[in-house]
């Protein structure tokens, strides 16, 4: 099984080199393809990525959904793993993915549990709440490194061209095809947005956006709250 790791990036010059180096070390000659889908960065994200990624795609329109969609279309792997530039995979991520996708009935999608790169009690509480929500709804956050069979992804149309909530809309397409399996490993995603916007404000805003989405507010309107 060949895995294509698709990283949507925009102005990630400070983080992308370490992220790509970490993935390259983990690949260890195995069937891993690393694709960076750049969304009109104004820094050196593209130049830095070109030294370590297998493919760097310049997407004409910024936005994770569009970037991940074009990255998926350029991928050659059997499995697509969508990874945010500021998220670290668990050490045994390849083994967990291989077991989930090679043994028995294939899932519709997989994702890891959510964790943060800060062990503060506040972030432990947020991750517990997020993982409980995922267990109840079957919809992981984009930070949880969602993986999908490439052929299935393309068949259902992949990510819709929306500025926010793209993972919710993708999972809605995939759910009739099978289970969304949450793997036991935990990612470590950056707390930088929480620290920048204020911890409590960021947590409450995310909860409000999710609730409004389920109430039918369109993603384009929700995106104004997320900025």
Foldseek 3Di string as FASTA:
>chain_A
DAEEEEEEDAQCVVQQLVLLVVVVVLCVPPRYAYEYQYAPHPDCPQVSCVVRHPYYHDQPHDALQSSLLVSLVPDDGQKYWYAYSQKAWDSCVVVQVCCQQPPDDHALKEFEQEAAPDPPPLRVVLSVVQNVVCVVPVQHDSNRTMMGGSVSCVVLPHFDPFRDPRSVVSCVSSVVVHGYYYTHTYMHGYCVVCVVVPVVVLSVLVVVLVVVVVVPDDRNVSVVSVD
